[in-house]
Amino acid sequence: MDMPGDRESLAKSNLPKWVVRALRKNGVRDMNRLRGLSDQELMHLKGIGQRATQLIRETATQQIQQAR
């Protein structure tokens, strides 16, 4: 089931710009794709480490809570 904002681009998210750039370089362009990745998959992406993964999860959680 799609959540509100799933098709929203990463640029419109509250993620730091450096995280968005790293995700785009790895082919991740929208929140739906981003939410489908496990933490381990995220950390295998070039430029994405533990801190970026933590920021991604916090932002995704905030967006889901705001949509309710």
C-alpha atoms as a PDB file:
ATOM      1  CA  MET A   1       0.000   0.000   0.000  1.00  0.00           C
ATOM      2  CA  ASP A   2       1.369   3.410  -0.949  1.00  0.00           C
ATOM      3  CA  MET A   3       1.664   5.933   1.840  1.00  0.00           C
ATOM      4  CA  PRO A   4       1.041   9.632   1.209  1.00  0.00           C
ATOM      5  CA  GLY A   5       4.180  11.182  -0.204  1.00  0.00           C
ATOM      6  CA  ASP A   6       5.594   7.889  -1.537  1.00  0.00           C
ATOM      7  CA  ARG A   7       6.072   9.289  -5.013  1.00  0.00           C
ATOM      8  CA  GLU A   8       7.415  12.520  -3.595  1.00  0.00           C
ATOM      9  CA  SER A   9      10.864  13.343  -4.799  1.00  0.00           C
ATOM     10  CA  LEU A  10      13.763  13.284  -2.414  1.00  0.00           C
ATOM     11  CA  ALA A  11      14.364  16.979  -3.102  1.00  0.00           C
ATOM     12  CA  LYS A  12      11.088  17.803  -1.340  1.00  0.00           C
ATOM     13  CA  SER A  13      12.008  15.746   1.705  1.00  0.00           C
ATOM     14  CA  ASN A  14      13.643  17.138   4.825  1.00  0.00           C
ATOM     15  CA  LEU A  15      16.805  15.141   4.161  1.00  0.00           C
ATOM     16  CA  PRO A  16      20.081  17.045   4.120  1.00  0.00           C
ATOM     17  CA  LYS A  17      21.207  17.922   0.606  1.00  0.00           C
ATOM     18  CA  TRP A  18      24.327  15.770   0.881  1.00  0.00           C
ATOM     19  CA  VAL A  19      22.173  12.720   1.610  1.00  0.00           C
ATOM     20  CA  VAL A  20      19.864  13.489  -1.327  1.00  0.00           C
ATOM     21  CA  ARG A  21      22.868  13.868  -3.669  1.00  0.00           C
ATOM     22  CA  ALA A  22      24.334  10.540  -2.545  1.00  0.00           C
ATOM     23  CA  LEU A  23      20.995   8.769  -2.984  1.00  0.00           C
ATOM     24  CA  ARG A  24      20.468  10.231  -6.462  1.00  0.00           C
ATOM     25  CA  LYS A  25      23.952   9.158  -7.532  1.00  0.00           C
ATOM     26  CA  ASN A  26      22.903   5.646  -6.536  1.00  0.00           C
ATOM     27  CA  GLY A  27      19.650   5.774  -8.525  1.00  0.00           C
ATOM     28  CA  VAL A  28      17.274   6.393  -5.616  1.00  0.00           C
ATOM     29  CA  ARG A  29      14.943   9.169  -6.741  1.00  0.00           C
ATOM     30  CA  ASP A  30      11.772   8.974  -4.620  1.00  0.00           C
ATOM     31  CA  MET A  31      10.621   8.181  -1.113  1.00  0.00           C
ATOM     32  CA  ASN A  32       8.881   4.969  -2.166  1.00  0.00           C
ATOM     33  CA  ARG A  33      12.136   3.477  -3.446  1.00  0.00           C
ATOM     34  CA  LEU A  34      13.992   4.760  -0.408  1.00  0.00           C
ATOM     35  CA  ARG A  35      11.566   3.151   2.045  1.00  0.00           C
ATOM     36  CA  GLY A  36      11.948  -0.155   0.226  1.00  0.00           C
ATOM     37  CA  LEU A  37      15.652  -0.394   1.089  1.00  0.00           C
ATOM     38  CA  SER A  38      16.880  -2.075   4.248  1.00  0.00           C
ATOM     39  CA  ASP A  39      19.462  -0.374   6.431  1.00  0.00           C
ATOM     40  CA  GLN A  40      22.063  -2.834   5.183  1.00  0.00           C
ATOM     41  CA  GLU A  41      21.208  -2.057   1.549  1.00  0.00           C
ATOM     42  CA  LEU A  42      21.428   1.671   2.262  1.00  0.00           C
ATOM     43  CA  MET A  43      24.853   1.350   3.855  1.00  0.00           C
ATOM     44  CA  HIS A  44      26.137  -0.487   0.780  1.00  0.00           C
ATOM     45  CA  LEU A  45      25.373   2.578  -1.333  1.00  0.00           C
ATOM     46  CA  LYS A  46      28.353   4.792  -2.039  1.00  0.00           C
ATOM     47  CA  GLY A  47      28.236   7.882   0.189  1.00  0.00           C
ATOM     48  CA  ILE A  48      25.653   6.441   2.579  1.00  0.00           C
ATOM     49  CA  GLY A  49      26.851   5.294   5.967  1.00  0.00           C
ATOM     50  CA  GLN A  50      25.434   4.813   9.425  1.00  0.00           C
ATOM     51  CA  ARG A  51      24.721   8.532  10.024  1.00  0.00           C
ATOM     52  CA  ALA A  52      22.958   8.982   6.664  1.00  0.00           C
ATOM     53  CA  THR A  53      20.919   5.840   7.256  1.00  0.00           C
ATOM     54  CA  GLN A  54      19.852   7.165  10.664  1.00  0.00           C
ATOM     55  CA  LEU A  55      18.813  10.512   9.116  1.00  0.00           C
ATOM     56  CA  ILE A  56      16.879   8.702   6.377  1.00  0.00           C
ATOM     57  CA  ARG A  57      14.940   6.593   8.882  1.00  0.00           C
ATOM     58  CA  GLU A  58      14.168   9.587  11.111  1.00  0.00           C
ATOM     59  CA  THR A  59      12.921  11.622   8.142  1.00  0.00           C
ATOM     60  CA  ALA A  60      10.786   8.765   6.807  1.00  0.00           C
ATOM     61  CA  THR A  61       9.222   8.248  10.241  1.00  0.00           C
ATOM     62  CA  GLN A  62       8.460  11.974  10.591  1.00  0.00           C
ATOM     63  CA  GLN A  63       6.813  12.075   7.159  1.00  0.00           C
ATOM     64  CA  ILE A  64       4.610   9.083   7.964  1.00  0.00           C
ATOM     65  CA  GLN A  65       3.556  10.643  11.287  1.00  0.00           C
ATOM     66  CA  GLN A  66       2.778  13.975   9.619  1.00  0.00           C
ATOM     67  CA  ALA A  67       0.635  12.237   7.004  1.00  0.00           C
ATOM     68  CA  ARG A  68      -1.656  10.803   9.707  1.00  0.00           C
END
